[in-house]
Structures are given as C-alpha cells and as structure tokens.
Amino acid sequence: MGAYDRLERDRALSTWFLVSARDERYVKEKANELIQLGFPFTIVCGAKIDQPNVVVRAPRGKYDAINFGFSLVPKSFEITALNDVDTRIYGIEEALQEMQDSSVGLVFAAVRPEGGPQVLFYRILDAVRSIVPIAASGELMFIRRTVLERILPLRPCKAEDSNILFKVLELGMKAKFVTRCYVRTRRTSNKSGEFLYKRINVCGMYQALSLSKPPAIVRAFYFMLPLFSPILICAGPVGYCWAKGIILGLVDYLRGDRAGFWTTAYMAA
C-alpha cells in the first residue's frame, strides 16, 4: 500500500456516514455503495428492514434522524458525513481534503440532478453560493464532531441542512462548498412538483434563519428574495413556479409553520 493509499484509508477511517431514509427504498443500494467506498455507516430508516447497520426511527423529519442517529456514531470518529439515501457519491476525495483544514467545520457537496427543472435551479444556486453561503445541500455534508456536538439537538426545521450551515458560521467556523465532490440524485420532474418543492424549502429557509444567526449578508439576501422573486418569471413556466413557491413559502412561515417535516397540508393548499 502506497503513501497516498494509506492517507486515503486514514481519512476514511476517521469519517462515519449517517444516512437518513424515509422508507426502505434505496437502503440496500446505499449500504452497498458505502461498503464499496470503505466507510462505516448507520442508516436511520423510517421503515423496518432486515439490513445490517440500519436502525428504525419513525419519520419525524431529517432533523430528528440526525439528532437520534448522531448518538449512535462512535465517539472516536472525528467527522460525521450526513448523506441522503437516494444519492450516488462522486469525487469524495475533494471533500475529505478540505476537512484536513482544522478551521473548516463543514463541507457540503454539489448536487447534480438527473434531469428535470432542478438542473437549471442548481446552476443558479451554485453560482450564488460559490460567493455567499446562502444555503447548504444536505444530500452530502461533512461536519466535525466537535462542531456537531455544539449545535445539537437540532430544533424542528424543514431546511435542517442550511440550519446546520448557519449555525456553523455563527460559531465562527469555515464552511466550504465543493463542486468536484457531488451527488447524483433524482428530483422534481414537472412544474407542479417544482412549485411544491420550492414552497416547502423556502419555508424551511426562513425557519433556519429564525433558529440561527448567519452573517448579515445572508440575512439580507433572504430579506430581499421575495422582492426580487418576480424576476424569475423571465425563466418561463418553471421560473413562475419558483417565484410562486418563494412567495407562498414565506407566507407559510409567517402564518406560523414551524414543522420539521413535509405534511399533506401542502398538497391540499
């Protein structure tokens, strides 16, 4: 084994994957992927499944899965990787390299959807958050144990990933967004799904802001977002769905939505 291989092995051994799964779909595929990558893991699943390293937890939102699952991560592991079950990981070496800097508390990877409206959305989002940390992607995040211990337990929030990001920044730690490390996943495939997705997540973003103290520039961005959202209509029907989702997501928050998970109430709204 060469020096580089030993270094990669040591990095892997210091990282424990904590995976959130609403139900049994993709659990076996994710377990096989992490075994192939050489990482130890725990999958918190909302359904009972006969699979090693899987624990059952009734679905209450991903924030709850993180709170519960972190207690199962051995204390000897310096880094916890938060990962969604319906993703495929690429280029993980970049994220591990960034975590070698002790001043970095959090690294989050890019998301590359397999088609649909989210492809354009992430191009826009990534261009912005490469400059200003306005949002994280909870599909794959690496966070130091010492940092996660300080911000847990998470309170109910539909955008728990950005809540974590904002809390890391509040602690004065660095957060890095990486693009050569990314995940492939499936997202919305039509306009109605994109509207609902945006509405729920925007409500979650304002929840996250209320639960943390990110830099002033981040707060300013979300203060201005509803005012500038009509510009998105220039992107056509999908842009209209984004603009509508942003406005109604803010309305949901102002009406008092503080739930940490998606509810059927959105489907009827």
C-alpha atoms as a PDB file:
ATOM      1  CA  MET A   1       0.000   0.000   0.000  1.00  0.00           C
ATOM      2  CA  GLY A   2       1.461   3.358  -1.086  1.00  0.00           C
ATOM      3  CA  ALA A   3       1.615   6.544   0.996  1.00  0.00           C
ATOM      4  CA  TYR A   4      -1.355   8.058  -0.880  1.00  0.00           C
ATOM      5  CA  ASP A   5      -3.486   4.943  -0.326  1.00  0.00           C
ATOM      6  CA  ARG A   6      -2.643   4.931   3.374  1.00  0.00           C
ATOM      7  CA  LEU A   7      -3.641   8.601   3.627  1.00  0.00           C
ATOM      8  CA  GLU A   8      -6.982   7.908   1.954  1.00  0.00           C
ATOM      9  CA  ARG A   9      -7.532   4.930   4.248  1.00  0.00           C
ATOM     10  CA  ASP A  10      -6.843   7.028   7.349  1.00  0.00           C
ATOM     11  CA  ARG A  11      -9.234   9.740   6.172  1.00  0.00           C
ATOM     12  CA  ALA A  12     -11.945   7.168   5.551  1.00  0.00           C
ATOM     13  CA  LEU A  13     -11.444   5.617   8.970  1.00  0.00           C
ATOM     14  CA  SER A  14     -11.994   8.994  10.649  1.00  0.00           C
ATOM     15  CA  THR A  15     -15.355   9.520   8.911  1.00  0.00           C
ATOM     16  CA  TRP A  16     -18.648   7.853   9.836  1.00  0.00           C
ATOM     17  CA  PHE A  17     -21.627   8.142   7.493  1.00  0.00           C
ATOM     18  CA  LEU A  18     -25.040   8.891   8.975  1.00  0.00           C
ATOM     19  CA  VAL A  19     -27.718   8.276   6.351  1.00  0.00           C
ATOM     20  CA  SER A  20     -31.364   9.367   6.514  1.00  0.00           C
ATOM     21  CA  ALA A  21     -34.028   7.225   4.846  1.00  0.00           C
ATOM     22  CA  ARG A  22     -37.765   7.922   4.956  1.00  0.00           C
ATOM     23  CA  ASP A  23     -38.529   4.296   3.996  1.00  0.00           C
ATOM     24  CA  GLU A  24     -36.807   1.167   2.719  1.00  0.00           C
ATOM     25  CA  ARG A  25     -36.263   2.411  -0.846  1.00  0.00           C
ATOM     26  CA  TYR A  26     -32.583   2.708  -1.828  1.00  0.00           C
ATOM     27  CA  VAL A  27     -31.356   1.422   1.553  1.00  0.00           C
ATOM     28  CA  LYS A  28     -29.633  -1.678   0.162  1.00  0.00           C
ATOM     29  CA  GLU A  29     -28.119   0.313  -2.706  1.00  0.00           C
ATOM     30  CA  LYS A  30     -26.750   2.955  -0.321  1.00  0.00           C
ATOM     31  CA  ALA A  31     -25.330   0.332   2.036  1.00  0.00           C
ATOM     32  CA  ASN A  32     -23.543  -1.362  -0.863  1.00  0.00           C
ATOM     33  CA  GLU A  33     -22.150   1.971  -2.082  1.00  0.00           C
ATOM     34  CA  LEU A  34     -20.690   2.889   1.305  1.00  0.00           C
ATOM     35  CA  ILE A  35     -19.212  -0.583   1.731  1.00  0.00           C
ATOM     36  CA  GLN A  36     -17.532  -0.227  -1.663  1.00  0.00           C
ATOM     37  CA  LEU A  37     -16.214   3.216  -0.700  1.00  0.00           C
ATOM     38  CA  GLY A  38     -14.851   1.797   2.538  1.00  0.00           C
ATOM     39  CA  PHE A  39     -16.816   3.908   5.032  1.00  0.00           C
ATOM     40  CA  PRO A  40     -18.551   2.717   8.207  1.00  0.00           C
ATOM     41  CA  PHE A  41     -22.154   3.871   8.446  1.00  0.00           C
ATOM     42  CA  THR A  42     -25.503   3.932  10.192  1.00  0.00           C
ATOM     43  CA  ILE A  43     -28.767   4.270   8.276  1.00  0.00           C
ATOM     44  CA  VAL A  44     -31.722   5.722  10.172  1.00  0.00           C
ATOM     45  CA  CYS A  45     -34.763   4.341   8.380  1.00  0.00           C
ATOM     46  CA  GLY A  46     -38.456   5.099   8.824  1.00  0.00           C
ATOM     47  CA  ALA A  47     -39.410   1.520   7.958  1.00  0.00           C
ATOM     48  CA  LYS A  48     -38.318  -1.797   9.411  1.00  0.00           C
ATOM     49  CA  ILE A  49     -35.840  -3.568   7.141  1.00  0.00           C
ATOM     50  CA  ASP A  50     -33.617  -6.591   7.704  1.00  0.00           C
ATOM     51  CA  GLN A  51     -30.294  -4.979   6.833  1.00  0.00           C
ATOM     52  CA  PRO A  52     -27.060  -4.611   8.853  1.00  0.00           C
ATOM     53  CA  ASN A  53     -26.274  -1.123  10.215  1.00  0.00           C
ATOM     54  CA  VAL A  54     -29.901   0.007   9.818  1.00  0.00           C
ATOM     55  CA  VAL A  55     -31.871   1.329  12.792  1.00  0.00           C
ATOM     56  CA  VAL A  56     -35.583   2.074  12.765  1.00  0.00           C
ATOM     57  CA  ARG A  57     -36.890   5.510  13.709  1.00  0.00           C
ATOM     58  CA  ALA A  58     -40.422   6.700  12.951  1.00  0.00           C
ATOM     59  CA  PRO A  59     -40.193   9.552  10.401  1.00  0.00           C
ATOM     60  CA  ARG A  60     -40.322  12.935  12.148  1.00  0.00           C
ATOM     61  CA  GLY A  61     -38.148  14.897   9.748  1.00  0.00           C
ATOM     62  CA  LYS A  62     -34.466  14.694   8.872  1.00  0.00           C
ATOM     63  CA  TYR A  63     -33.550  16.969  11.783  1.00  0.00           C
ATOM     64  CA  ASP A  64     -34.845  14.253  14.130  1.00  0.00           C
ATOM     65  CA  ALA A  65     -32.979  11.486  12.273  1.00  0.00           C
ATOM     66  CA  ILE A  66     -29.755  13.461  12.748  1.00  0.00           C
ATOM     67  CA  ASN A  67     -30.427  14.096  16.434  1.00  0.00           C
ATOM     68  CA  PHE A  68     -31.157  10.409  17.004  1.00  0.00           C
ATOM     69  CA  GLY A  69     -28.534   8.952  14.688  1.00  0.00           C
ATOM     70  CA  PHE A  70     -25.608  11.005  15.985  1.00  0.00           C
ATOM     71  CA  SER A  71     -25.886   9.273  19.360  1.00  0.00           C
ATOM     72  CA  LEU A  72     -25.015   6.043  17.530  1.00  0.00           C
ATOM     73  CA  VAL A  73     -21.849   7.404  15.898  1.00  0.00           C
ATOM     74  CA  PRO A  74     -18.760   6.171  17.787  1.00  0.00           C
ATOM     75  CA  LYS A  75     -17.010   9.000  19.623  1.00  0.00           C
ATOM     76  CA  SER A  76     -13.677   8.007  18.119  1.00  0.00           C
ATOM     77  CA  PHE A  77     -14.747   9.330  14.700  1.00  0.00           C
ATOM     78  CA  GLU A  78     -13.766  12.935  14.101  1.00  0.00           C
ATOM     79  CA  ILE A  79     -16.049  13.575  11.128  1.00  0.00           C
ATOM     80  CA  THR A  80     -19.708  12.724  10.549  1.00  0.00           C
ATOM     81  CA  ALA A  81     -20.910  12.608   6.956  1.00  0.00           C
ATOM     82  CA  LEU A  82     -24.630  13.349   6.605  1.00  0.00           C
ATOM     83  CA  ASN A  83     -25.994  11.688   3.483  1.00  0.00           C
ATOM     84  CA  ASP A  84     -29.381  11.100   1.841  1.00  0.00           C
ATOM     85  CA  VAL A  85     -30.221   7.532   0.938  1.00  0.00           C
ATOM     86  CA  ASP A  86     -31.315   8.319  -2.641  1.00  0.00           C
ATOM     87  CA  THR A  87     -27.943   9.661  -3.792  1.00  0.00           C
ATOM     88  CA  ARG A  88     -24.836   8.382  -5.535  1.00  0.00           C
ATOM     89  CA  ILE A  89     -21.498   9.902  -4.448  1.00  0.00           C
ATOM     90  CA  TYR A  90     -18.694  11.041  -6.764  1.00  0.00           C
ATOM     91  CA  GLY A  91     -15.311  12.690  -6.142  1.00  0.00           C
ATOM     92  CA  ILE A  92     -15.388  12.309  -2.372  1.00  0.00           C
ATOM     93  CA  GLU A  93     -11.634  12.949  -2.159  1.00  0.00           C
ATOM     94  CA  GLU A  94     -12.141  16.718  -2.572  1.00  0.00           C
ATOM     95  CA  ALA A  95     -14.402  16.935   0.468  1.00  0.00           C
ATOM     96  CA  LEU A  96     -12.046  14.845   2.580  1.00  0.00           C
ATOM     97  CA  GLN A  97      -9.150  17.057   1.545  1.00  0.00           C
ATOM     98  CA  GLU A  98     -10.999  20.208   2.632  1.00  0.00           C
ATOM     99  CA  MET A  99     -11.683  18.676   6.038  1.00  0.00           C
ATOM    100  CA  GLN A 100      -7.937  18.415   6.653  1.00  0.00           C
ATOM    101  CA  ASP A 101      -8.023  22.142   7.464  1.00  0.00           C
ATOM    102  CA  SER A 102      -8.879  22.324  11.162  1.00  0.00           C
ATOM    103  CA  SER A 103     -10.540  25.724  10.727  1.00  0.00           C
ATOM    104  CA  VAL A 104     -13.150  24.158   8.431  1.00  0.00           C
ATOM    105  CA  GLY A 105     -16.163  22.964  10.388  1.00  0.00           C
ATOM    106  CA  LEU A 106     -18.393  21.955   7.495  1.00  0.00           C
ATOM    107  CA  VAL A 107     -18.049  20.876   3.874  1.00  0.00           C
ATOM    108  CA  PHE A 108     -21.081  20.349   1.668  1.00  0.00           C
ATOM    109  CA  ALA A 109     -21.112  18.852  -1.799  1.00  0.00           C
ATOM    110  CA  ALA A 110     -22.812  19.892  -5.011  1.00  0.00           C
ATOM    111  CA  VAL A 111     -25.993  18.272  -6.275  1.00  0.00           C
ATOM    112  CA  ARG A 112     -26.396  17.220  -9.888  1.00  0.00           C
ATOM    113  CA  PRO A 113     -29.980  16.128 -10.544  1.00  0.00           C
ATOM    114  CA  GLU A 114     -30.668  13.633 -13.283  1.00  0.00           C
ATOM    115  CA  GLY A 115     -32.888  15.842 -15.433  1.00  0.00           C
ATOM    116  CA  GLY A 116     -35.898  17.996 -14.594  1.00  0.00           C
ATOM    117  CA  PRO A 117     -36.253  21.652 -13.563  1.00  0.00           C
ATOM    118  CA  GLN A 118     -33.713  21.276 -10.748  1.00  0.00           C
ATOM    119  CA  VAL A 119     -30.831  21.142 -13.239  1.00  0.00           C
ATOM    120  CA  LEU A 120     -31.287  24.837 -14.035  1.00  0.00           C
ATOM    121  CA  PHE A 121     -32.085  25.674 -10.421  1.00  0.00           C
ATOM    122  CA  TYR A 122     -28.804  24.265  -9.139  1.00  0.00           C
ATOM    123  CA  ARG A 123     -26.836  26.108 -11.804  1.00  0.00           C
ATOM    124  CA  ILE A 124     -28.251  29.359 -10.457  1.00  0.00           C
ATOM    125  CA  LEU A 125     -27.929  28.376  -6.799  1.00  0.00           C
ATOM    126  CA  ASP A 126     -24.344  27.139  -7.167  1.00  0.00           C
ATOM    127  CA  ALA A 127     -23.288  30.359  -8.887  1.00  0.00           C
ATOM    128  CA  VAL A 128     -24.611  32.350  -5.916  1.00  0.00           C
ATOM    129  CA  ARG A 129     -23.408  30.150  -3.066  1.00  0.00           C
ATOM    130  CA  SER A 130     -19.948  29.902  -4.538  1.00  0.00           C
ATOM    131  CA  ILE A 131     -19.736  33.533  -3.408  1.00  0.00           C
ATOM    132  CA  VAL A 132     -22.186  33.793  -0.495  1.00  0.00           C
ATOM    133  CA  PRO A 133     -23.172  30.811   1.731  1.00  0.00           C
ATOM    134  CA  ILE A 134     -26.928  31.250   1.316  1.00  0.00           C
ATOM    135  CA  ALA A 135     -27.829  27.552   1.507  1.00  0.00           C
ATOM    136  CA  ALA A 136     -26.332  24.114   2.052  1.00  0.00           C
ATOM    137  CA  SER A 137     -27.168  20.812   0.396  1.00  0.00           C
ATOM    138  CA  GLY A 138     -27.983  18.145   2.932  1.00  0.00           C
ATOM    139  CA  GLU A 139     -27.624  15.398   0.351  1.00  0.00           C
ATOM    140  CA  LEU A 140     -23.940  15.147   1.372  1.00  0.00           C
ATOM    141  CA  MET A 141     -22.331  17.133   4.175  1.00  0.00           C
ATOM    142  CA  PHE A 142     -19.196  16.545   6.261  1.00  0.00           C
ATOM    143  CA  ILE A 143     -19.095  18.075   9.727  1.00  0.00           C
ATOM    144  CA  ARG A 144     -16.659  17.818  12.630  1.00  0.00           C
ATOM    145  CA  ARG A 145     -17.865  16.001  15.713  1.00  0.00           C
ATOM    146  CA  THR A 146     -16.752  18.853  17.963  1.00  0.00           C
ATOM    147  CA  VAL A 147     -18.899  21.250  15.922  1.00  0.00           C
ATOM    148  CA  LEU A 148     -21.937  18.997  15.656  1.00  0.00           C
ATOM    149  CA  GLU A 149     -21.876  18.397  19.406  1.00  0.00           C
ATOM    150  CA  ARG A 150     -22.197  22.160  19.942  1.00  0.00           C
ATOM    151  CA  ILE A 151     -25.216  22.639  17.659  1.00  0.00           C
ATOM    152  CA  LEU A 152     -27.243  19.541  18.532  1.00  0.00           C
ATOM    153  CA  PRO A 153     -30.004  18.877  19.217  1.00  0.00           C
ATOM    154  CA  LEU A 154     -31.464  20.484  16.125  1.00  0.00           C
ATOM    155  CA  ARG A 155     -34.888  22.022  16.520  1.00  0.00           C
ATOM    156  CA  PRO A 156     -37.655  21.196  14.021  1.00  0.00           C
ATOM    157  CA  CYS A 157     -36.777  22.710  10.643  1.00  0.00           C
ATOM    158  CA  LYS A 158     -37.560  21.657   7.083  1.00  0.00           C
ATOM    159  CA  ALA A 159     -34.200  23.080   5.923  1.00  0.00           C
ATOM    160  CA  GLU A 160     -32.080  21.360   8.549  1.00  0.00           C
ATOM    161  CA  ASP A 161     -29.065  21.399   6.227  1.00  0.00           C
ATOM    162  CA  SER A 162     -28.998  25.184   5.969  1.00  0.00           C
ATOM    163  CA  ASN A 163     -29.772  25.458   9.671  1.00  0.00           C
ATOM    164  CA  ILE A 164     -26.579  23.475  10.285  1.00  0.00           C
ATOM    165  CA  LEU A 165     -24.667  25.700   7.849  1.00  0.00           C
ATOM    166  CA  PHE A 166     -25.866  28.888   9.537  1.00  0.00           C
ATOM    167  CA  LYS A 167     -25.014  27.552  13.000  1.00  0.00           C
ATOM    168  CA  VAL A 168     -21.507  26.584  11.873  1.00  0.00           C
ATOM    169  CA  LEU A 169     -20.976  30.109  10.558  1.00  0.00           C
ATOM    170  CA  GLU A 170     -22.417  31.507  13.790  1.00  0.00           C
ATOM    171  CA  LEU A 171     -19.723  29.615  15.705  1.00  0.00           C
ATOM    172  CA  GLY A 172     -17.060  31.331  13.603  1.00  0.00           C
ATOM    173  CA  MET A 173     -16.041  28.174  11.732  1.00  0.00           C
ATOM    174  CA  LYS A 174     -15.453  27.983   7.993  1.00  0.00           C
ATOM    175  CA  ALA A 175     -17.954  26.246   5.708  1.00  0.00           C
ATOM    176  CA  LYS A 176     -16.824  25.106   2.270  1.00  0.00           C
ATOM    177  CA  PHE A 177     -18.932  24.379  -0.798  1.00  0.00           C
ATOM    178  CA  VAL A 178     -17.220  21.912  -3.139  1.00  0.00           C
ATOM    179  CA  THR A 179     -18.176  21.041  -6.694  1.00  0.00           C
ATOM    180  CA  ARG A 180     -15.810  18.258  -7.733  1.00  0.00           C
ATOM    181  CA  CYS A 181     -17.344  16.245  -4.927  1.00  0.00           C
ATOM    182  CA  TYR A 182     -21.018  15.850  -5.800  1.00  0.00           C
ATOM    183  CA  VAL A 183     -24.007  13.561  -5.652  1.00  0.00           C
ATOM    184  CA  ARG A 184     -26.324  12.352  -8.366  1.00  0.00           C
ATOM    185  CA  THR A 185     -29.996  12.117  -7.465  1.00  0.00           C
ATOM    186  CA  ARG A 186     -33.488  12.448  -8.863  1.00  0.00           C
ATOM    187  CA  ARG A 187     -35.623  15.473  -8.093  1.00  0.00           C
ATOM    188  CA  THR A 188     -38.811  17.011  -9.432  1.00  0.00           C
ATOM    189  CA  SER A 189     -39.827  16.201 -12.980  1.00  0.00           C
ATOM    190  CA  ASN A 190     -42.665  18.688 -13.607  1.00  0.00           C
ATOM    191  CA  LYS A 191     -43.824  22.204 -12.784  1.00  0.00           C
ATOM    192  CA  SER A 192     -46.254  21.269 -10.008  1.00  0.00           C
ATOM    193  CA  GLY A 193     -43.606  19.225  -8.229  1.00  0.00           C
ATOM    194  CA  GLU A 194     -41.102  22.048  -8.578  1.00  0.00           C
ATOM    195  CA  PHE A 195     -43.552  24.567  -7.096  1.00  0.00           C
ATOM    196  CA  LEU A 196     -44.253  22.335  -4.087  1.00  0.00           C
ATOM    197  CA  TYR A 197     -40.553  21.604  -3.571  1.00  0.00           C
ATOM    198  CA  LYS A 198     -39.701  25.297  -3.655  1.00  0.00           C
ATOM    199  CA  ARG A 199     -42.532  26.274  -1.333  1.00  0.00           C
ATOM    200  CA  ILE A 200     -41.577  23.758   1.323  1.00  0.00           C
ATOM    201  CA  ASN A 201     -37.871  24.527   1.168  1.00  0.00           C
ATOM    202  CA  VAL A 202     -38.297  28.296   1.246  1.00  0.00           C
ATOM    203  CA  CYS A 203     -40.464  27.979   4.349  1.00  0.00           C
ATOM    204  CA  GLY A 204     -37.654  25.868   5.790  1.00  0.00           C
ATOM    205  CA  MET A 205     -35.055  28.512   4.945  1.00  0.00           C
ATOM    206  CA  TYR A 206     -36.919  31.141   6.931  1.00  0.00           C
ATOM    207  CA  GLN A 207     -37.245  28.645   9.776  1.00  0.00           C
ATOM    208  CA  ALA A 208     -33.472  28.158   9.664  1.00  0.00           C
ATOM    209  CA  LEU A 209     -32.890  31.910   9.782  1.00  0.00           C
ATOM    210  CA  SER A 210     -35.079  32.181  12.887  1.00  0.00           C
ATOM    211  CA  LEU A 211     -33.083  29.446  14.615  1.00  0.00           C
ATOM    212  CA  SER A 212     -29.595  30.810  13.938  1.00  0.00           C
ATOM    213  CA  LYS A 213     -27.513  33.916  13.383  1.00  0.00           C
ATOM    214  CA  PRO A 214     -25.800  33.691   9.993  1.00  0.00           C
ATOM    215  CA  PRO A 215     -23.755  36.586   8.559  1.00  0.00           C
ATOM    216  CA  ALA A 216     -25.639  39.786   7.773  1.00  0.00           C
ATOM    217  CA  ILE A 217     -25.199  39.287   4.032  1.00  0.00           C
ATOM    218  CA  VAL A 218     -27.123  36.006   4.242  1.00  0.00           C
ATOM    219  CA  ARG A 219     -29.960  37.629   6.151  1.00  0.00           C
ATOM    220  CA  ALA A 220     -30.024  40.486   3.653  1.00  0.00           C
ATOM    221  CA  PHE A 221     -30.337  38.009   0.785  1.00  0.00           C
ATOM    222  CA  TYR A 222     -33.462  36.412   2.262  1.00  0.00           C
ATOM    223  CA  PHE A 223     -34.924  39.776   3.166  1.00  0.00           C
ATOM    224  CA  MET A 224     -34.656  40.804  -0.477  1.00  0.00           C
ATOM    225  CA  LEU A 225     -35.576  37.427  -2.001  1.00  0.00           C
ATOM    226  CA  PRO A 226     -39.380  37.905  -2.063  1.00  0.00           C
ATOM    227  CA  LEU A 227     -38.945  41.371  -3.578  1.00  0.00           C
ATOM    228  CA  PHE A 228     -36.807  40.094  -6.436  1.00  0.00           C
ATOM    229  CA  SER A 229     -38.526  36.731  -6.952  1.00  0.00           C
ATOM    230  CA  PRO A 230     -40.807  38.045  -9.770  1.00  0.00           C
ATOM    231  CA  ILE A 231     -37.665  38.372 -11.912  1.00  0.00           C
ATOM    232  CA  LEU A 232     -37.591  34.575 -12.033  1.00  0.00           C
ATOM    233  CA  ILE A 233     -40.668  34.650 -14.262  1.00  0.00           C
ATOM    234  CA  CYS A 234     -38.259  35.527 -17.072  1.00  0.00           C
ATOM    235  CA  ALA A 235     -37.165  31.885 -16.943  1.00  0.00           C
ATOM    236  CA  GLY A 236     -40.576  30.835 -18.244  1.00  0.00           C
ATOM    237  CA  PRO A 237     -43.114  28.454 -16.661  1.00  0.00           C
ATOM    238  CA  VAL A 238     -40.534  26.931 -14.318  1.00  0.00           C
ATOM    239  CA  GLY A 239     -39.445  30.391 -13.205  1.00  0.00           C
ATOM    240  CA  TYR A 240     -43.074  31.230 -12.470  1.00  0.00           C
ATOM    241  CA  CYS A 241     -43.277  28.123 -10.255  1.00  0.00           C
ATOM    242  CA  TRP A 242     -40.119  29.208  -8.424  1.00  0.00           C
ATOM    243  CA  ALA A 243     -41.457  32.723  -7.843  1.00  0.00           C
ATOM    244  CA  LYS A 244     -44.820  31.423  -6.647  1.00  0.00           C
ATOM    245  CA  GLY A 245     -43.149  28.860  -4.388  1.00  0.00           C
ATOM    246  CA  ILE A 246     -40.915  31.528  -2.822  1.00  0.00           C
ATOM    247  CA  ILE A 247     -43.845  33.811  -2.020  1.00  0.00           C
ATOM    248  CA  LEU A 248     -46.063  31.056  -0.611  1.00  0.00           C
ATOM    249  CA  GLY A 249     -43.155  29.532   1.319  1.00  0.00           C
ATOM    250  CA  LEU A 250     -42.665  32.861   3.069  1.00  0.00           C
ATOM    251  CA  VAL A 251     -46.422  33.113   3.660  1.00  0.00           C
ATOM    252  CA  ASP A 252     -46.431  29.648   5.243  1.00  0.00           C
ATOM    253  CA  TYR A 253     -43.652  30.713   7.597  1.00  0.00           C
ATOM    254  CA  LEU A 254     -45.388  33.970   8.512  1.00  0.00           C
ATOM    255  CA  ARG A 255     -48.574  32.018   9.203  1.00  0.00           C
ATOM    256  CA  GLY A 256     -46.688  30.040  11.827  1.00  0.00           C
ATOM    257  CA  ASP A 257     -45.487  26.881  10.071  1.00  0.00           C
ATOM    258  CA  ARG A 258     -42.682  25.574  12.294  1.00  0.00           C
ATOM    259  CA  ALA A 259     -42.984  21.863  11.483  1.00  0.00           C
ATOM    260  CA  GLY A 260     -39.801  19.948  10.794  1.00  0.00           C
ATOM    261  CA  PHE A 261     -41.217  17.774   8.021  1.00  0.00           C
ATOM    262  CA  TRP A 262     -43.396  17.912   4.928  1.00  0.00           C
ATOM    263  CA  THR A 263     -47.108  17.466   5.598  1.00  0.00           C
ATOM    264  CA  THR A 264     -50.106  16.606   3.438  1.00  0.00           C
ATOM    265  CA  ALA A 265     -51.440  20.100   4.152  1.00  0.00           C
ATOM    266  CA  TYR A 266     -49.178  21.358   1.368  1.00  0.00           C
ATOM    267  CA  MET A 267     -50.803  19.025  -1.114  1.00  0.00           C
ATOM    268  CA  ALA A 268     -54.224  20.500  -0.410  1.00  0.00           C
ATOM    269  CA  ALA A 269     -53.044  24.118  -0.413  1.00  0.00           C
END
